[in-house]
Amino acid sequence: MFLKIFNIEDDSFVTDIVLQDYRSSSVFRKYGIDYCCGGKIPLHMACEIRGLDLTTIKNELNDVIRVIPVSSSVNFHDWDTDFLIDYIINVHHAFLVKNFPDIIDTLQRFVNGHKSKYPHLSQLLEFVCRLRDKLLPHLEQEEQIIFPYIKQIAHAYKNNESYAALLIRTLRKPVENIMSQEHEYTKKYLDHTRELTIHYTPPPNACISHKVCFLKLRELDNELAQHLFLENEILFPKALRMEKELLNQ
């Protein structure tokens, strides 16, 4: 499937830009530009009203809508352990750290303005906040403890170092428990969000803000699916196999 590319022109309507790519909403929110009911004006006019430089805004918009796809032919199983860990940290962990505040802020603003019409969305906001509160500390634990340990094990395994078994017995971390716990609580909260949003399907009369919220949540869902796949199906099983072989030497 080819990516849909569109040009942002000076006279492009703010609402149309967001409808083409919901990620542009973060730029408009950053500069206080209404992209929902009050966004049916050309971009250049919205910038003039706010006293903003049009070129700067267009550059930021083009940055956020840029797509860098990963080919389906990429075989993550063949990646070096250190490289895979660095990829998870710099791509998937970085996504969560950077985007969770924006996702929750976008959802918070929408829920506060539409509580009477969509009362169930308050529960949706609660679930997303709980997911954030569970995941972000977990990322720190992985980066500070689990991943360095796995890198040490991978290095000892690759170089057939004599102290490998001692290293494992001394530093061994509950990788299996982390796998099951991470999968359990992430699946729990994602199941709740999918149920409350009917798999991120906005109602027929939904406004742009409503659609943006659901699209951001769908992106989060897809991101977590790939994140968990790399950890639970590739990285952690590989670490456990190396541990087992080193201990049996």
C-alpha atoms as a PDB file:
ATOM      1  CA  MET A   1       0.000   0.000   0.000  1.00  0.00           C
ATOM      2  CA  PHE A   2       1.368   3.413  -0.943  1.00  0.00           C
ATOM      3  CA  LEU A   3       1.417   6.234   1.567  1.00  0.00           C
ATOM      4  CA  LYS A   4      -0.972   9.068   0.934  1.00  0.00           C
ATOM      5  CA  ILE A   5       0.974  12.293   0.559  1.00  0.00           C
ATOM      6  CA  PHE A   6      -0.638  15.711   0.604  1.00  0.00           C
ATOM      7  CA  ASN A   7       0.734  19.214   0.381  1.00  0.00           C
ATOM      8  CA  ILE A   8      -0.021  21.827   3.014  1.00  0.00           C
ATOM      9  CA  GLU A   9      -0.741  25.077   1.190  1.00  0.00           C
ATOM     10  CA  ASP A  10      -1.120  28.611   2.548  1.00  0.00           C
ATOM     11  CA  ASP A  11      -4.838  28.497   1.810  1.00  0.00           C
ATOM     12  CA  SER A  12      -5.423  24.964   3.115  1.00  0.00           C
ATOM     13  CA  PHE A  13      -8.165  25.012   5.728  1.00  0.00           C
ATOM     14  CA  VAL A  14      -7.019  24.102   9.232  1.00  0.00           C
ATOM     15  CA  THR A  15      -9.806  21.525   9.583  1.00  0.00           C
ATOM     16  CA  ASP A  16      -8.863  19.896   6.274  1.00  0.00           C
ATOM     17  CA  ILE A  17      -5.228  19.554   7.333  1.00  0.00           C
ATOM     18  CA  VAL A  18      -6.258  17.742  10.517  1.00  0.00           C
ATOM     19  CA  LEU A  19      -8.709  15.530   8.640  1.00  0.00           C
ATOM     20  CA  GLN A  20      -5.915  14.574   6.243  1.00  0.00           C
ATOM     21  CA  ASP A  21      -3.524  13.737   9.086  1.00  0.00           C
ATOM     22  CA  TYR A  22      -4.624  13.881  12.732  1.00  0.00           C
ATOM     23  CA  ARG A  23      -1.019  14.253  13.944  1.00  0.00           C
ATOM     24  CA  SER A  24      -1.069  17.860  12.715  1.00  0.00           C
ATOM     25  CA  SER A  25      -3.453  18.637  15.581  1.00  0.00           C
ATOM     26  CA  SER A  26      -0.524  18.710  18.020  1.00  0.00           C
ATOM     27  CA  VAL A  27       1.002  21.695  16.196  1.00  0.00           C
ATOM     28  CA  PHE A  28      -2.280  23.591  16.177  1.00  0.00           C
ATOM     29  CA  ARG A  29      -2.811  22.911  19.873  1.00  0.00           C
ATOM     30  CA  LYS A  30       0.732  24.062  20.610  1.00  0.00           C
ATOM     31  CA  TYR A  31      -0.016  27.487  19.096  1.00  0.00           C
ATOM     32  CA  GLY A  32      -3.615  27.766  20.293  1.00  0.00           C
ATOM     33  CA  ILE A  33      -5.180  27.356  16.828  1.00  0.00           C
ATOM     34  CA  ASP A  34      -8.676  25.877  16.887  1.00  0.00           C
ATOM     35  CA  TYR A  35      -8.797  22.901  14.520  1.00  0.00           C
ATOM     36  CA  CYS A  36     -12.330  21.770  15.385  1.00  0.00           C
ATOM     37  CA  CYS A  37     -15.467  23.866  15.009  1.00  0.00           C
ATOM     38  CA  GLY A  38     -13.531  27.127  14.698  1.00  0.00           C
ATOM     39  CA  GLY A  39     -10.935  25.757  12.285  1.00  0.00           C
ATOM     40  CA  LYS A  40     -12.735  26.338   9.013  1.00  0.00           C
ATOM     41  CA  ILE A  41     -10.363  29.087   7.952  1.00  0.00           C
ATOM     42  CA  PRO A  42      -7.239  29.084   5.734  1.00  0.00           C
ATOM     43  CA  LEU A  43      -3.925  28.360   7.424  1.00  0.00           C
ATOM     44  CA  HIS A  44      -2.463  31.748   6.531  1.00  0.00           C
ATOM     45  CA  MET A  45      -5.419  33.494   8.162  1.00  0.00           C
ATOM     46  CA  ALA A  46      -5.121  31.382  11.328  1.00  0.00           C
ATOM     47  CA  CYS A  47      -1.452  32.381  11.535  1.00  0.00           C
ATOM     48  CA  GLU A  48      -2.229  36.058  10.986  1.00  0.00           C
ATOM     49  CA  ILE A  49      -4.830  36.031  13.752  1.00  0.00           C
ATOM     50  CA  ARG A  50      -2.290  34.542  16.184  1.00  0.00           C
ATOM     51  CA  GLY A  51       0.644  36.615  14.951  1.00  0.00           C
ATOM     52  CA  LEU A  52       2.518  33.480  13.874  1.00  0.00           C
ATOM     53  CA  ASP A  53       5.058  33.020  11.120  1.00  0.00           C
ATOM     54  CA  LEU A  54       3.373  30.993   8.369  1.00  0.00           C
ATOM     55  CA  THR A  55       6.590  29.351   7.148  1.00  0.00           C
ATOM     56  CA  THR A  56       7.486  28.196  10.654  1.00  0.00           C
ATOM     57  CA  ILE A  57       4.064  26.629  11.180  1.00  0.00           C
ATOM     58  CA  LYS A  58       4.136  24.901   7.795  1.00  0.00           C
ATOM     59  CA  ASN A  59       7.570  23.466   8.527  1.00  0.00           C
ATOM     60  CA  GLU A  60       6.397  22.101  11.883  1.00  0.00           C
ATOM     61  CA  LEU A  61       3.290  20.629  10.278  1.00  0.00           C
ATOM     62  CA  ASN A  62       5.336  18.893   7.596  1.00  0.00           C
ATOM     63  CA  ASP A  63       7.645  17.501  10.283  1.00  0.00           C
ATOM     64  CA  VAL A  64       4.854  15.877  12.296  1.00  0.00           C
ATOM     65  CA  ILE A  65       3.050  14.325   9.310  1.00  0.00           C
ATOM     66  CA  ARG A  66       6.216  12.777   7.892  1.00  0.00           C
ATOM     67  CA  VAL A  67       5.992   8.990   7.715  1.00  0.00           C
ATOM     68  CA  ILE A  68       9.039   6.717   7.915  1.00  0.00           C
ATOM     69  CA  PRO A  69       7.741   3.180   7.330  1.00  0.00           C
ATOM     70  CA  VAL A  70       9.453  -0.045   8.397  1.00  0.00           C
ATOM     71  CA  SER A  71       9.359  -2.622   5.611  1.00  0.00           C
ATOM     72  CA  SER A  72       7.597  -5.901   6.351  1.00  0.00           C
ATOM     73  CA  SER A  73      10.702  -7.644   4.983  1.00  0.00           C
ATOM     74  CA  VAL A  74      12.722  -6.572   8.036  1.00  0.00           C
ATOM     75  CA  ASN A  75      13.473  -9.654  10.126  1.00  0.00           C
ATOM     76  CA  PHE A  76      13.754  -8.520  13.740  1.00  0.00           C
ATOM     77  CA  HIS A  77      14.786 -12.032  14.788  1.00  0.00           C
ATOM     78  CA  ASP A  78      18.118 -11.571  12.997  1.00  0.00           C
ATOM     79  CA  TRP A  79      19.005  -8.342  14.791  1.00  0.00           C
ATOM     80  CA  ASP A  80      21.879  -8.230  17.245  1.00  0.00           C
ATOM     81  CA  THR A  81      20.622  -8.120  20.846  1.00  0.00           C
ATOM     82  CA  ASP A  82      22.274  -4.786  21.633  1.00  0.00           C
ATOM     83  CA  PHE A  83      20.859  -3.215  18.480  1.00  0.00           C
ATOM     84  CA  LEU A  84      17.369  -4.556  19.180  1.00  0.00           C
ATOM     85  CA  ILE A  85      17.450  -3.119  22.709  1.00  0.00           C
ATOM     86  CA  ASP A  86      18.640   0.254  21.425  1.00  0.00           C
ATOM     87  CA  TYR A  87      15.879   0.207  18.805  1.00  0.00           C
ATOM     88  CA  ILE A  88      13.204  -0.524  21.430  1.00  0.00           C
ATOM     89  CA  ILE A  89      14.475   2.305  23.635  1.00  0.00           C
ATOM     90  CA  ASN A  90      14.942   4.922  20.907  1.00  0.00           C
ATOM     91  CA  VAL A  91      11.775   4.121  18.973  1.00  0.00           C
ATOM     92  CA  HIS A  92       9.139   2.538  21.207  1.00  0.00           C
ATOM     93  CA  HIS A  93      10.095   3.845  24.629  1.00  0.00           C
ATOM     94  CA  ALA A  94      10.696   7.299  23.159  1.00  0.00           C
ATOM     95  CA  PHE A  95       7.262   7.242  21.525  1.00  0.00           C
ATOM     96  CA  LEU A  96       5.526   6.561  24.833  1.00  0.00           C
ATOM     97  CA  VAL A  97       7.504   9.162  26.784  1.00  0.00           C
ATOM     98  CA  LYS A  98       6.946  11.830  24.143  1.00  0.00           C
ATOM     99  CA  ASN A  99       3.341  11.093  23.181  1.00  0.00           C
ATOM    100  CA  PHE A 100       1.595  10.069  26.406  1.00  0.00           C
ATOM    101  CA  PRO A 101       1.361  13.694  27.670  1.00  0.00           C
ATOM    102  CA  ASP A 102      -0.142  14.860  24.370  1.00  0.00           C
ATOM    103  CA  ILE A 103      -2.559  11.912  24.133  1.00  0.00           C
ATOM    104  CA  ILE A 104      -3.856  12.436  27.664  1.00  0.00           C
ATOM    105  CA  ASP A 105      -4.040  16.220  27.319  1.00  0.00           C
ATOM    106  CA  THR A 106      -6.001  15.895  24.050  1.00  0.00           C
ATOM    107  CA  LEU A 107      -8.352  13.372  25.621  1.00  0.00           C
ATOM    108  CA  GLN A 108      -8.703  15.445  28.822  1.00  0.00           C
ATOM    109  CA  ARG A 109      -9.722  18.554  26.869  1.00  0.00           C
ATOM    110  CA  PHE A 110     -12.270  16.636  24.838  1.00  0.00           C
ATOM    111  CA  VAL A 111     -13.762  14.782  27.812  1.00  0.00           C
ATOM    112  CA  ASN A 112     -14.103  17.971  29.860  1.00  0.00           C
ATOM    113  CA  GLY A 113     -16.046  19.648  27.072  1.00  0.00           C
ATOM    114  CA  HIS A 114     -18.282  16.697  26.230  1.00  0.00           C
ATOM    115  CA  LYS A 115     -19.039  14.983  29.556  1.00  0.00           C
ATOM    116  CA  SER A 116     -22.781  15.410  29.244  1.00  0.00           C
ATOM    117  CA  LYS A 117     -22.912  13.975  25.716  1.00  0.00           C
ATOM    118  CA  TYR A 118     -20.384  11.156  26.196  1.00  0.00           C
ATOM    119  CA  PRO A 119     -20.250  10.346  29.934  1.00  0.00           C
ATOM    120  CA  HIS A 120     -18.472   7.020  29.330  1.00  0.00           C
ATOM    121  CA  LEU A 121     -15.394   8.878  28.047  1.00  0.00           C
ATOM    122  CA  SER A 122     -14.476   9.862  31.613  1.00  0.00           C
ATOM    123  CA  GLN A 123     -13.884   6.179  32.247  1.00  0.00           C
ATOM    124  CA  LEU A 124     -11.833   5.988  29.056  1.00  0.00           C
ATOM    125  CA  LEU A 125      -9.604   8.810  30.308  1.00  0.00           C
ATOM    126  CA  GLU A 126      -9.163   6.983  33.615  1.00  0.00           C
ATOM    127  CA  PHE A 127      -8.034   3.784  31.865  1.00  0.00           C
ATOM    128  CA  VAL A 128      -5.539   5.622  29.659  1.00  0.00           C
ATOM    129  CA  CYS A 129      -4.092   7.419  32.697  1.00  0.00           C
ATOM    130  CA  ARG A 130      -3.733   4.109  34.536  1.00  0.00           C
ATOM    131  CA  LEU A 131      -1.985   2.616  31.530  1.00  0.00           C
ATOM    132  CA  ARG A 132       0.456   5.546  31.501  1.00  0.00           C
ATOM    133  CA  ASP A 133       1.071   5.230  35.257  1.00  0.00           C
ATOM    134  CA  LYS A 134       1.881   1.532  34.828  1.00  0.00           C
ATOM    135  CA  LEU A 135       3.998   1.769  31.693  1.00  0.00           C
ATOM    136  CA  LEU A 136       6.267   4.770  32.255  1.00  0.00           C
ATOM    137  CA  PRO A 137       7.888   3.478  35.492  1.00  0.00           C
ATOM    138  CA  HIS A 138       8.231   0.097  33.783  1.00  0.00           C
ATOM    139  CA  LEU A 139      10.222   1.697  30.951  1.00  0.00           C
ATOM    140  CA  GLU A 140      12.682   3.085  33.504  1.00  0.00           C
ATOM    141  CA  GLN A 141      13.049  -0.329  35.113  1.00  0.00           C
ATOM    142  CA  GLU A 142      13.807  -1.888  31.738  1.00  0.00           C
ATOM    143  CA  GLU A 143      16.322   0.773  30.730  1.00  0.00           C
ATOM    144  CA  GLN A 144      18.130   0.899  34.086  1.00  0.00           C
ATOM    145  CA  ILE A 145      18.059  -2.767  35.144  1.00  0.00           C
ATOM    146  CA  ILE A 146      16.643  -5.323  32.711  1.00  0.00           C
ATOM    147  CA  PHE A 147      18.177  -4.187  29.424  1.00  0.00           C
ATOM    148  CA  PRO A 148      21.716  -3.675  30.824  1.00  0.00           C
ATOM    149  CA  TYR A 149      21.497  -7.163  32.311  1.00  0.00           C
ATOM    150  CA  ILE A 150      20.420  -8.669  28.975  1.00  0.00           C
ATOM    151  CA  LYS A 151      23.276  -6.853  27.215  1.00  0.00           C
ATOM    152  CA  GLN A 152      25.742  -8.324  29.732  1.00  0.00           C
ATOM    153  CA  ILE A 153      24.319 -11.801  29.169  1.00  0.00           C
ATOM    154  CA  ALA A 154      24.445 -11.381  25.377  1.00  0.00           C
ATOM    155  CA  HIS A 155      28.060 -10.215  25.551  1.00  0.00           C
ATOM    156  CA  ALA A 156      29.077 -13.161  27.778  1.00  0.00           C
ATOM    157  CA  TYR A 157      27.179 -15.584  25.538  1.00  0.00           C
ATOM    158  CA  LYS A 158      28.748 -14.251  22.335  1.00  0.00           C
ATOM    159  CA  ASN A 159      32.276 -14.358  23.757  1.00  0.00           C
ATOM    160  CA  ASN A 160      31.862 -17.601  25.693  1.00  0.00           C
ATOM    161  CA  GLU A 161      33.186 -15.961  28.828  1.00  0.00           C
ATOM    162  CA  SER A 162      33.967 -18.143  31.802  1.00  0.00           C
ATOM    163  CA  TYR A 163      32.203 -15.978  34.400  1.00  0.00           C
ATOM    164  CA  ALA A 164      28.865 -16.082  32.534  1.00  0.00           C
ATOM    165  CA  ALA A 165      27.169 -18.597  34.845  1.00  0.00           C
ATOM    166  CA  LEU A 166      28.230 -16.652  37.929  1.00  0.00           C
ATOM    167  CA  LEU A 167      26.958 -13.451  36.336  1.00  0.00           C
ATOM    168  CA  ILE A 168      23.544 -15.003  35.776  1.00  0.00           C
ATOM    169  CA  ARG A 169      23.286 -16.429  39.284  1.00  0.00           C
ATOM    170  CA  THR A 170      24.314 -13.081  40.765  1.00  0.00           C
ATOM    171  CA  LEU A 171      22.316 -10.670  38.643  1.00  0.00           C
ATOM    172  CA  ARG A 172      19.471 -12.758  37.242  1.00  0.00           C
ATOM    173  CA  LYS A 173      16.297 -10.714  36.897  1.00  0.00           C
ATOM    174  CA  PRO A 174      12.707 -11.978  36.702  1.00  0.00           C
ATOM    175  CA  VAL A 175      12.397 -11.646  32.922  1.00  0.00           C
ATOM    176  CA  GLU A 176       9.612 -14.208  32.760  1.00  0.00           C
ATOM    177  CA  ASN A 177       7.607 -12.332  35.409  1.00  0.00           C
ATOM    178  CA  ILE A 178       8.115  -9.045  33.587  1.00  0.00           C
ATOM    179  CA  MET A 179       6.895 -10.635  30.347  1.00  0.00           C
ATOM    180  CA  SER A 180       3.696 -11.937  31.918  1.00  0.00           C
ATOM    181  CA  GLN A 181       2.973  -8.857  34.041  1.00  0.00           C
ATOM    182  CA  GLU A 182       3.589  -6.398  31.211  1.00  0.00           C
ATOM    183  CA  HIS A 183       1.388  -8.374  28.875  1.00  0.00           C
ATOM    184  CA  GLU A 184      -1.322  -8.766  31.494  1.00  0.00           C
ATOM    185  CA  TYR A 185      -1.785  -5.146  32.554  1.00  0.00           C
ATOM    186  CA  THR A 186      -1.262  -3.707  29.062  1.00  0.00           C
ATOM    187  CA  LYS A 187      -3.812  -6.099  27.585  1.00  0.00           C
ATOM    188  CA  LYS A 188      -6.222  -5.310  30.425  1.00  0.00           C
ATOM    189  CA  TYR A 189      -6.237  -1.557  29.840  1.00  0.00           C
ATOM    190  CA  LEU A 190      -6.158  -1.816  26.049  1.00  0.00           C
ATOM    191  CA  ASP A 191      -9.154  -4.156  26.155  1.00  0.00           C
ATOM    192  CA  HIS A 192     -11.022  -1.544  28.197  1.00  0.00           C
ATOM    193  CA  THR A 193     -10.186   1.261  25.755  1.00  0.00           C
ATOM    194  CA  ARG A 194     -11.150  -0.848  22.735  1.00  0.00           C
ATOM    195  CA  GLU A 195     -14.459  -1.761  24.329  1.00  0.00           C
ATOM    196  CA  LEU A 196     -15.332   1.805  25.348  1.00  0.00           C
ATOM    197  CA  THR A 197     -14.426   3.211  21.914  1.00  0.00           C
ATOM    198  CA  ILE A 198     -15.799   0.293  19.860  1.00  0.00           C
ATOM    199  CA  HIS A 199     -12.251  -0.259  18.601  1.00  0.00           C
ATOM    200  CA  TYR A 200     -11.663   3.476  18.180  1.00  0.00           C
ATOM    201  CA  THR A 201     -14.692   4.042  15.961  1.00  0.00           C
ATOM    202  CA  PRO A 202     -16.146   7.553  16.465  1.00  0.00           C
ATOM    203  CA  PRO A 203     -19.920   8.009  16.093  1.00  0.00           C
ATOM    204  CA  PRO A 204     -21.219   9.241  12.717  1.00  0.00           C
ATOM    205  CA  ASN A 205     -21.785  12.776  14.022  1.00  0.00           C
ATOM    206  CA  ALA A 206     -18.364  13.024  15.738  1.00  0.00           C
ATOM    207  CA  CYS A 207     -16.532  16.340  15.589  1.00  0.00           C
ATOM    208  CA  ILE A 208     -12.906  16.594  14.521  1.00  0.00           C
ATOM    209  CA  SER A 209     -11.668  16.656  18.137  1.00  0.00           C
ATOM    210  CA  HIS A 210     -13.492  13.383  18.776  1.00  0.00           C
ATOM    211  CA  LYS A 211     -11.882  11.789  15.725  1.00  0.00           C
ATOM    212  CA  VAL A 212      -8.438  13.058  16.681  1.00  0.00           C
ATOM    213  CA  CYS A 213      -8.733  11.522  20.159  1.00  0.00           C
ATOM    214  CA  PHE A 214      -9.665   8.120  18.802  1.00  0.00           C
ATOM    215  CA  LEU A 215      -6.964   8.188  16.115  1.00  0.00           C
ATOM    216  CA  LYS A 216      -4.320   9.013  18.722  1.00  0.00           C
ATOM    217  CA  LEU A 217      -5.536   6.113  20.860  1.00  0.00           C
ATOM    218  CA  ARG A 218      -5.469   3.782  17.859  1.00  0.00           C
ATOM    219  CA  GLU A 219      -1.874   4.853  17.139  1.00  0.00           C
ATOM    220  CA  LEU A 220      -0.981   4.129  20.778  1.00  0.00           C
ATOM    221  CA  ASP A 221      -2.621   0.709  20.511  1.00  0.00           C
ATOM    222  CA  ASN A 222      -0.704  -0.154  17.325  1.00  0.00           C
ATOM    223  CA  GLU A 223       2.546   1.121  18.809  1.00  0.00           C
ATOM    224  CA  LEU A 224       2.154  -0.992  21.932  1.00  0.00           C
ATOM    225  CA  ALA A 225       1.347  -4.074  19.851  1.00  0.00           C
ATOM    226  CA  GLN A 226       4.662  -3.745  17.995  1.00  0.00           C
ATOM    227  CA  HIS A 227       6.520  -2.840  21.196  1.00  0.00           C
ATOM    228  CA  LEU A 228       5.251  -5.892  23.071  1.00  0.00           C
ATOM    229  CA  PHE A 229       5.921  -8.151  20.096  1.00  0.00           C
ATOM    230  CA  LEU A 230       9.592  -7.158  19.987  1.00  0.00           C
ATOM    231  CA  GLU A 231      10.022  -7.659  23.723  1.00  0.00           C
ATOM    232  CA  ASN A 232       7.813 -10.650  24.489  1.00  0.00           C
ATOM    233  CA  GLU A 233       8.289 -12.628  21.287  1.00  0.00           C
ATOM    234  CA  ILE A 234      11.915 -11.839  20.405  1.00  0.00           C
ATOM    235  CA  LEU A 235      14.071 -10.093  23.026  1.00  0.00           C
ATOM    236  CA  PHE A 236      12.980 -11.763  26.274  1.00  0.00           C
ATOM    237  CA  PRO A 237      12.773 -15.326  24.872  1.00  0.00           C
ATOM    238  CA  LYS A 238      16.248 -14.829  23.363  1.00  0.00           C
ATOM    239  CA  ALA A 239      17.558 -13.666  26.766  1.00  0.00           C
ATOM    240  CA  LEU A 240      16.014 -16.664  28.507  1.00  0.00           C
ATOM    241  CA  ARG A 241      17.571 -19.068  25.990  1.00  0.00           C
ATOM    242  CA  MET A 242      21.002 -17.509  26.492  1.00  0.00           C
ATOM    243  CA  GLU A 243      20.605 -17.722  30.279  1.00  0.00           C
ATOM    244  CA  LYS A 244      19.669 -21.372  30.088  1.00  0.00           C
ATOM    245  CA  GLU A 245      22.560 -22.329  27.797  1.00  0.00           C
ATOM    246  CA  LEU A 246      25.108 -20.423  29.859  1.00  0.00           C
ATOM    247  CA  LEU A 247      23.938 -22.018  33.103  1.00  0.00           C
ATOM    248  CA  ASN A 248      24.152 -25.495  31.527  1.00  0.00           C
ATOM    249  CA  GLN A 249      27.729 -25.032  30.351  1.00  0.00           C
END
